[in-house]
Amino acid sequence: MKCKFLIIIIFFLSACNQNEVQNITIGKTLVENHSYSQNRLLIKNIEGVLAQESKFLPMLLEYDCGGAAGCYDLGNVIVQIINKIGEEKFIAMVKELNNAEKEELRGFINVGLEYGDSLHKNRKNRTFESEFPTLFKEININHR
């Protein structure tokens, strides 16, 4: 009986995963393939970055997106965050990242622009440099 109850609780909690936070859409793979506690962690990190608390950006970059489509979804989340808070405010947080974290961010932004952000799907040839030129420049300072 306890086992059945536990299974029901786990199923209920995973069904309660949030797919949006402050108008930032979280892709299906990140929502469905993660536990309730993983989803809560993702939500906390997104909210922290939206509040421009620098400590949350590295935590968002380290979030286990599960590879492939989940990481494309995370890249899309990051692109949406940049669009929502603005490039300059996002850059203030990026300045505190180390080179490895900046490289990770670059990858997420690239896949987020390529596969996500439904507001701009009709625009082709979206690149990191063309969409976020100041951020692109900041990430490439003292790199390589």
N, C-alpha and C. Protein backbone atom coordinates (compact mmCIF):
# COMPACT_ATOMS: atom_id res chain seq x y z
N MET A 1 0.82 -1.19 0.00
CA MET A 1 0.00 0.00 0.00
C MET A 1 0.87 1.26 0.00
N LYS A 2 1.92 1.27 0.81
CA LYS A 2 2.81 2.43 0.87
C LYS A 2 3.48 2.66 -0.48
N CYS A 3 3.84 1.60 -1.15
CA CYS A 3 4.51 1.71 -2.46
C CYS A 3 3.58 2.37 -3.48
N LYS A 4 2.33 1.94 -3.51
CA LYS A 4 1.36 2.53 -4.45
C LYS A 4 1.16 4.02 -4.15
N PHE A 5 1.07 4.35 -2.87
CA PHE A 5 0.90 5.74 -2.46
C PHE A 5 2.09 6.58 -2.89
N LEU A 6 3.29 6.04 -2.70
CA LEU A 6 4.51 6.75 -3.08
C LEU A 6 4.56 6.97 -4.60
N ILE A 7 4.18 5.98 -5.36
CA ILE A 7 4.16 6.09 -6.83
C ILE A 7 3.15 7.17 -7.25
N ILE A 8 2.01 7.20 -6.61
CA ILE A 8 1.00 8.21 -6.93
C ILE A 8 1.52 9.61 -6.60
N ILE A 9 2.18 9.76 -5.47
CA ILE A 9 2.75 11.06 -5.08
C ILE A 9 3.81 11.50 -6.09
N ILE A 10 4.71 10.60 -6.46
CA ILE A 10 5.77 10.93 -7.42
C ILE A 10 5.16 11.33 -8.76
N PHE A 11 4.17 10.58 -9.23
CA PHE A 11 3.51 10.92 -10.49
C PHE A 11 2.84 12.28 -10.40
N PHE A 12 2.15 12.55 -9.31
CA PHE A 12 1.47 13.83 -9.12
C PHE A 12 2.46 14.98 -9.12
N LEU A 13 3.56 14.82 -8.40
CA LEU A 13 4.55 15.90 -8.32
C LEU A 13 5.21 16.16 -9.67
N SER A 14 5.52 15.11 -10.43
CA SER A 14 6.13 15.33 -11.74
C SER A 14 5.15 15.96 -12.72
N ALA A 15 3.87 15.72 -12.53
CA ALA A 15 2.84 16.33 -13.38
C ALA A 15 2.66 17.81 -13.05
N CYS A 16 3.20 18.23 -11.92
CA CYS A 16 3.05 19.62 -11.49
C CYS A 16 4.22 20.49 -11.93
N ASN A 17 5.08 19.99 -12.76
CA ASN A 17 6.21 20.79 -13.22
C ASN A 17 5.72 22.02 -13.96
N GLN A 18 6.36 23.14 -13.67
CA GLN A 18 6.03 24.41 -14.30
C GLN A 18 6.66 24.49 -15.68
N ASN A 19 5.91 25.00 -16.66
CA ASN A 19 6.46 25.17 -18.00
C ASN A 19 6.61 26.64 -18.38
N GLU A 20 6.38 27.51 -17.41
CA GLU A 20 6.55 28.95 -17.66
C GLU A 20 6.83 29.65 -16.34
N VAL A 21 7.69 30.65 -16.41
CA VAL A 21 7.97 31.47 -15.24
C VAL A 21 8.18 32.91 -15.72
N GLN A 22 7.39 33.82 -15.24
CA GLN A 22 7.46 35.23 -15.60
C GLN A 22 7.54 35.43 -17.12
N ASN A 23 6.67 34.75 -17.83
CA ASN A 23 6.58 34.81 -19.30
C ASN A 23 7.79 34.22 -20.01
N ILE A 24 8.59 33.45 -19.33
CA ILE A 24 9.68 32.68 -19.95
C ILE A 24 9.16 31.27 -20.12
N THR A 25 9.06 30.81 -21.36
CA THR A 25 8.55 29.48 -21.64
C THR A 25 9.67 28.46 -21.52
N ILE A 26 9.38 27.39 -20.81
CA ILE A 26 10.34 26.30 -20.65
C ILE A 26 9.90 25.19 -21.59
N GLY A 27 10.79 24.76 -22.45
CA GLY A 27 10.46 23.75 -23.46
C GLY A 27 10.01 22.43 -22.88
N LYS A 28 9.27 21.71 -23.68
CA LYS A 28 8.64 20.45 -23.30
C LYS A 28 9.63 19.43 -22.73
N THR A 29 10.80 19.31 -23.34
CA THR A 29 11.78 18.32 -22.88
C THR A 29 12.25 18.63 -21.47
N LEU A 30 12.53 19.89 -21.18
CA LEU A 30 12.97 20.26 -19.84
C LEU A 30 11.87 20.06 -18.81
N VAL A 31 10.64 20.20 -19.21
CA VAL A 31 9.52 20.04 -18.28
C VAL A 31 9.23 18.56 -18.04
N GLU A 32 9.10 17.81 -19.11
CA GLU A 32 8.65 16.42 -18.99
C GLU A 32 9.72 15.45 -18.53
N ASN A 33 10.97 15.73 -18.82
CA ASN A 33 12.03 14.77 -18.49
C ASN A 33 12.74 15.05 -17.17
N HIS A 34 12.19 15.94 -16.38
CA HIS A 34 12.81 16.26 -15.11
C HIS A 34 11.83 16.09 -13.96
N SER A 35 12.38 15.76 -12.82
CA SER A 35 11.56 15.56 -11.63
C SER A 35 11.02 16.90 -11.13
N TYR A 36 10.13 16.80 -10.19
CA TYR A 36 9.56 17.99 -9.57
C TYR A 36 10.67 18.83 -8.93
N SER A 37 11.58 18.19 -8.21
CA SER A 37 12.65 18.94 -7.53
C SER A 37 13.61 19.57 -8.55
N GLN A 38 13.88 18.88 -9.65
CA GLN A 38 14.73 19.46 -10.69
C GLN A 38 14.04 20.68 -11.31
N ASN A 39 12.74 20.56 -11.53
CA ASN A 39 11.98 21.66 -12.10
C ASN A 39 11.99 22.86 -11.16
N ARG A 40 11.83 22.61 -9.86
CA ARG A 40 11.87 23.70 -8.88
C ARG A 40 13.22 24.39 -8.89
N LEU A 41 14.31 23.63 -9.02
CA LEU A 41 15.65 24.21 -9.09
C LEU A 41 15.79 25.08 -10.34
N LEU A 42 15.31 24.59 -11.46
CA LEU A 42 15.36 25.37 -12.70
C LEU A 42 14.58 26.67 -12.54
N ILE A 43 13.38 26.59 -11.99
CA ILE A 43 12.55 27.77 -11.79
C ILE A 43 13.28 28.77 -10.89
N LYS A 44 13.87 28.29 -9.80
CA LYS A 44 14.61 29.16 -8.87
C LYS A 44 15.76 29.86 -9.58
N ASN A 45 16.49 29.12 -10.42
CA ASN A 45 17.61 29.72 -11.15
C ASN A 45 17.14 30.75 -12.17
N ILE A 46 16.06 30.45 -12.88
CA ILE A 46 15.52 31.41 -13.84
C ILE A 46 15.06 32.68 -13.13
N GLU A 47 14.34 32.52 -12.04
CA GLU A 47 13.86 33.68 -11.28
C GLU A 47 15.03 34.51 -10.76
N GLY A 48 16.09 33.84 -10.32
CA GLY A 48 17.26 34.55 -9.83
C GLY A 48 17.94 35.37 -10.91
N VAL A 49 18.07 34.80 -12.11
CA VAL A 49 18.68 35.54 -13.21
C VAL A 49 17.77 36.69 -13.63
N LEU A 50 16.47 36.45 -13.68
CA LEU A 50 15.54 37.53 -14.02
C LEU A 50 15.61 38.67 -13.01
N ALA A 51 15.89 38.32 -11.75
CA ALA A 51 16.04 39.34 -10.70
C ALA A 51 17.44 39.96 -10.73
N GLN A 52 18.25 39.52 -11.69
CA GLN A 52 19.61 40.03 -11.91
C GLN A 52 20.53 39.77 -10.72
N GLU A 53 20.34 38.63 -10.11
CA GLU A 53 21.22 38.17 -9.04
C GLU A 53 22.29 37.30 -9.70
N SER A 54 23.48 37.84 -9.79
CA SER A 54 24.57 37.23 -10.56
C SER A 54 24.89 35.79 -10.18
N LYS A 55 24.71 35.42 -8.94
CA LYS A 55 25.07 34.06 -8.51
C LYS A 55 24.22 33.00 -9.19
N PHE A 56 23.06 33.37 -9.72
CA PHE A 56 22.18 32.39 -10.34
C PHE A 56 22.55 32.07 -11.79
N LEU A 57 23.27 32.94 -12.46
CA LEU A 57 23.63 32.66 -13.86
C LEU A 57 24.54 31.44 -13.97
N PRO A 58 25.62 31.33 -13.19
CA PRO A 58 26.43 30.10 -13.28
C PRO A 58 25.63 28.85 -12.90
N MET A 59 24.72 28.99 -11.96
CA MET A 59 23.90 27.85 -11.56
C MET A 59 22.96 27.43 -12.69
N LEU A 60 22.45 28.40 -13.44
CA LEU A 60 21.61 28.09 -14.59
C LEU A 60 22.44 27.39 -15.67
N LEU A 61 23.67 27.86 -15.88
CA LEU A 61 24.54 27.25 -16.88
C LEU A 61 24.94 25.83 -16.50
N GLU A 62 25.01 25.54 -15.21
CA GLU A 62 25.39 24.21 -14.73
C GLU A 62 24.20 23.26 -14.61
N TYR A 63 23.00 23.77 -14.80
CA TYR A 63 21.80 22.94 -14.65
C TYR A 63 21.88 21.75 -15.61
N ASP A 64 21.55 20.57 -15.12
CA ASP A 64 21.61 19.35 -15.93
C ASP A 64 20.40 19.32 -16.88
N CYS A 65 20.64 19.77 -18.11
CA CYS A 65 19.56 19.85 -19.09
C CYS A 65 19.31 18.51 -19.78
N GLY A 66 20.13 17.53 -19.49
CA GLY A 66 19.90 16.19 -20.01
C GLY A 66 20.45 15.94 -21.40
N GLY A 67 21.07 16.92 -22.00
CA GLY A 67 21.62 16.75 -23.34
C GLY A 67 20.57 16.98 -24.42
N ALA A 68 21.04 17.10 -25.64
CA ALA A 68 20.22 17.25 -26.86
C ALA A 68 19.08 18.25 -26.68
N ALA A 69 17.83 17.80 -26.86
CA ALA A 69 16.67 18.70 -26.89
C ALA A 69 16.52 19.48 -25.59
N GLY A 70 16.86 18.87 -24.47
CA GLY A 70 16.76 19.58 -23.19
C GLY A 70 17.71 20.77 -23.14
N CYS A 71 18.88 20.60 -23.71
CA CYS A 71 19.85 21.71 -23.73
C CYS A 71 19.45 22.77 -24.74
N TYR A 72 18.81 22.37 -25.83
CA TYR A 72 18.27 23.36 -26.76
C TYR A 72 17.19 24.18 -26.05
N ASP A 73 16.37 23.49 -25.25
CA ASP A 73 15.34 24.19 -24.48
C ASP A 73 15.97 25.17 -23.50
N LEU A 74 17.05 24.76 -22.83
CA LEU A 74 17.72 25.64 -21.88
C LEU A 74 18.33 26.85 -22.61
N GLY A 75 18.89 26.62 -23.79
CA GLY A 75 19.40 27.73 -24.59
C GLY A 75 18.30 28.70 -24.94
N ASN A 76 17.13 28.18 -25.27
CA ASN A 76 15.99 29.03 -25.58
C ASN A 76 15.57 29.84 -24.35
N VAL A 77 15.60 29.22 -23.17
CA VAL A 77 15.28 29.94 -21.93
C VAL A 77 16.24 31.11 -21.75
N ILE A 78 17.53 30.86 -21.96
CA ILE A 78 18.54 31.92 -21.78
C ILE A 78 18.32 33.06 -22.77
N VAL A 79 18.02 32.74 -24.03
CA VAL A 79 17.74 33.78 -25.03
C VAL A 79 16.52 34.60 -24.61
N GLN A 80 15.48 33.93 -24.11
CA GLN A 80 14.29 34.65 -23.66
C GLN A 80 14.62 35.58 -22.49
N ILE A 81 15.47 35.10 -21.58
CA ILE A 81 15.87 35.93 -20.44
C ILE A 81 16.59 37.18 -20.92
N ILE A 82 17.53 37.02 -21.85
CA ILE A 82 18.27 38.17 -22.38
C ILE A 82 17.29 39.16 -23.01
N ASN A 83 16.37 38.66 -23.80
CA ASN A 83 15.38 39.53 -24.43
C ASN A 83 14.51 40.23 -23.40
N LYS A 84 14.19 39.54 -22.32
CA LYS A 84 13.29 40.11 -21.30
C LYS A 84 13.98 41.18 -20.46
N ILE A 85 15.19 40.90 -19.95
CA ILE A 85 15.83 41.88 -19.06
C ILE A 85 16.69 42.88 -19.81
N GLY A 86 17.04 42.55 -21.03
CA GLY A 86 17.86 43.44 -21.84
C GLY A 86 19.33 43.03 -21.82
N GLU A 87 19.96 43.29 -22.93
CA GLU A 87 21.35 42.89 -23.13
C GLU A 87 22.29 43.52 -22.09
N GLU A 88 22.13 44.80 -21.82
CA GLU A 88 23.04 45.49 -20.89
C GLU A 88 22.97 44.92 -19.48
N LYS A 89 21.77 44.67 -18.99
CA LYS A 89 21.61 44.11 -17.65
C LYS A 89 22.16 42.69 -17.58
N PHE A 90 21.97 41.95 -18.65
CA PHE A 90 22.50 40.58 -18.69
C PHE A 90 24.03 40.61 -18.70
N ILE A 91 24.61 41.55 -19.43
CA ILE A 91 26.07 41.69 -19.50
C ILE A 91 26.66 41.94 -18.12
N ALA A 92 25.98 42.70 -17.29
CA ALA A 92 26.48 42.96 -15.94
C ALA A 92 26.70 41.66 -15.18
N MET A 93 25.84 40.66 -15.40
CA MET A 93 26.01 39.36 -14.75
C MET A 93 27.10 38.53 -15.43
N VAL A 94 27.18 38.66 -16.75
CA VAL A 94 28.17 37.90 -17.52
C VAL A 94 29.59 38.29 -17.13
N LYS A 95 29.80 39.53 -16.77
CA LYS A 95 31.14 40.00 -16.40
C LYS A 95 31.73 39.22 -15.24
N GLU A 96 30.89 38.60 -14.45
CA GLU A 96 31.35 37.84 -13.29
C GLU A 96 31.64 36.37 -13.62
N LEU A 97 31.39 35.96 -14.85
CA LEU A 97 31.65 34.57 -15.25
C LEU A 97 33.11 34.37 -15.60
N ASN A 98 33.59 33.15 -15.40
CA ASN A 98 34.94 32.82 -15.86
C ASN A 98 34.86 32.40 -17.33
N ASN A 99 36.01 32.18 -17.96
CA ASN A 99 36.04 31.86 -19.39
C ASN A 99 35.28 30.58 -19.74
N ALA A 100 35.38 29.57 -18.88
CA ALA A 100 34.67 28.32 -19.15
C ALA A 100 33.15 28.54 -19.12
N GLU A 101 32.69 29.32 -18.17
CA GLU A 101 31.26 29.63 -18.08
C GLU A 101 30.81 30.46 -19.27
N LYS A 102 31.65 31.39 -19.71
CA LYS A 102 31.32 32.18 -20.90
C LYS A 102 31.22 31.30 -22.13
N GLU A 103 32.10 30.33 -22.23
CA GLU A 103 32.06 29.39 -23.37
C GLU A 103 30.76 28.58 -23.33
N GLU A 104 30.38 28.14 -22.15
CA GLU A 104 29.12 27.40 -21.98
C GLU A 104 27.94 28.29 -22.38
N LEU A 105 27.96 29.52 -21.93
CA LEU A 105 26.90 30.48 -22.27
C LEU A 105 26.82 30.68 -23.78
N ARG A 106 27.96 30.83 -24.41
CA ARG A 106 28.00 31.01 -25.87
C ARG A 106 27.28 29.86 -26.57
N GLY A 107 27.56 28.65 -26.14
CA GLY A 107 26.91 27.48 -26.75
C GLY A 107 25.41 27.49 -26.55
N PHE A 108 24.97 27.80 -25.34
CA PHE A 108 23.53 27.85 -25.07
C PHE A 108 22.84 28.93 -25.90
N ILE A 109 23.47 30.09 -26.01
CA ILE A 109 22.86 31.17 -26.80
C ILE A 109 22.78 30.76 -28.27
N ASN A 110 23.83 30.16 -28.78
CA ASN A 110 23.82 29.74 -30.19
C ASN A 110 22.68 28.75 -30.48
N VAL A 111 22.52 27.72 -29.64
CA VAL A 111 21.45 26.75 -29.89
C VAL A 111 20.08 27.36 -29.58
N GLY A 112 20.03 28.26 -28.60
CA GLY A 112 18.76 28.93 -28.30
C GLY A 112 18.27 29.77 -29.46
N LEU A 113 19.20 30.44 -30.13
CA LEU A 113 18.83 31.25 -31.29
C LEU A 113 18.46 30.37 -32.49
N GLU A 114 19.15 29.25 -32.63
CA GLU A 114 18.90 28.39 -33.78
C GLU A 114 17.60 27.60 -33.65
N TYR A 115 17.33 27.09 -32.46
CA TYR A 115 16.20 26.17 -32.30
C TYR A 115 15.04 26.71 -31.49
N GLY A 116 15.20 27.87 -30.90
CA GLY A 116 14.15 28.32 -30.00
C GLY A 116 13.62 29.69 -30.33
N ASP A 117 13.08 30.30 -29.29
CA ASP A 117 12.55 31.65 -29.35
C ASP A 117 11.54 31.81 -30.47
N SER A 118 10.36 31.27 -30.22
CA SER A 118 9.30 31.25 -31.24
C SER A 118 8.89 32.64 -31.73
N LEU A 119 9.22 33.68 -30.99
CA LEU A 119 8.88 35.03 -31.45
C LEU A 119 9.61 35.40 -32.74
N HIS A 120 10.74 34.76 -32.99
CA HIS A 120 11.57 35.13 -34.13
C HIS A 120 11.77 33.99 -35.12
N LYS A 121 10.91 32.98 -35.10
CA LYS A 121 11.11 31.81 -35.95
C LYS A 121 11.13 32.15 -37.44
N ASN A 122 10.46 33.20 -37.84
CA ASN A 122 10.41 33.56 -39.25
C ASN A 122 11.70 34.22 -39.73
N ARG A 123 12.55 34.62 -38.80
CA ARG A 123 13.81 35.26 -39.17
C ARG A 123 14.88 34.22 -39.33
N LYS A 124 15.50 34.20 -40.46
CA LYS A 124 16.57 33.24 -40.73
C LYS A 124 17.92 33.89 -40.48
N ASN A 125 18.92 33.06 -40.39
CA ASN A 125 20.30 33.52 -40.20
C ASN A 125 20.49 34.34 -38.93
N ARG A 126 19.80 33.95 -37.89
CA ARG A 126 19.98 34.61 -36.60
C ARG A 126 21.28 34.11 -36.00
N THR A 127 22.15 35.01 -35.68
CA THR A 127 23.41 34.63 -35.06
C THR A 127 23.56 35.38 -33.74
N PHE A 128 24.39 34.83 -32.89
CA PHE A 128 24.68 35.47 -31.62
C PHE A 128 25.17 36.89 -31.87
N GLU A 129 26.11 37.05 -32.78
CA GLU A 129 26.70 38.36 -33.04
C GLU A 129 25.68 39.37 -33.57
N SER A 130 24.75 38.92 -34.42
CA SER A 130 23.77 39.87 -34.97
C SER A 130 22.65 40.19 -33.98
N GLU A 131 22.27 39.24 -33.14
CA GLU A 131 21.17 39.45 -32.20
C GLU A 131 21.60 40.19 -30.94
N PHE A 132 22.79 39.87 -30.44
CA PHE A 132 23.28 40.46 -29.20
C PHE A 132 24.72 40.92 -29.38
N PRO A 133 24.95 41.94 -30.20
CA PRO A 133 26.32 42.33 -30.54
C PRO A 133 27.18 42.76 -29.34
N THR A 134 26.59 43.47 -28.40
CA THR A 134 27.37 43.93 -27.25
C THR A 134 27.72 42.75 -26.34
N LEU A 135 26.77 41.88 -26.12
CA LEU A 135 27.02 40.67 -25.32
C LEU A 135 28.05 39.78 -26.01
N PHE A 136 27.94 39.64 -27.32
CA PHE A 136 28.90 38.84 -28.08
C PHE A 136 30.31 39.37 -27.87
N LYS A 137 30.44 40.68 -27.94
CA LYS A 137 31.74 41.32 -27.75
C LYS A 137 32.26 41.08 -26.32
N GLU A 138 31.39 41.21 -25.34
CA GLU A 138 31.78 41.02 -23.93
C GLU A 138 32.26 39.60 -23.68
N ILE A 139 31.57 38.65 -24.23
CA ILE A 139 31.95 37.24 -24.01
C ILE A 139 33.28 36.93 -24.69
N ASN A 140 33.57 37.61 -25.77
CA ASN A 140 34.81 37.33 -26.51
C ASN A 140 36.01 38.12 -26.01
N ILE A 141 35.82 39.08 -25.10
CA ILE A 141 36.95 39.83 -24.53
C ILE A 141 37.81 38.87 -23.71
N ASN A 142 39.10 38.95 -23.89
CA ASN A 142 40.05 38.11 -23.14
C ASN A 142 39.78 36.62 -23.30
N HIS A 143 39.20 36.24 -24.40
CA HIS A 143 38.93 34.83 -24.62
C HIS A 143 39.73 34.34 -25.82
N ARG A 144 40.29 33.19 -25.65
CA ARG A 144 41.10 32.50 -26.68
C ARG A 144 42.47 33.01 -26.78
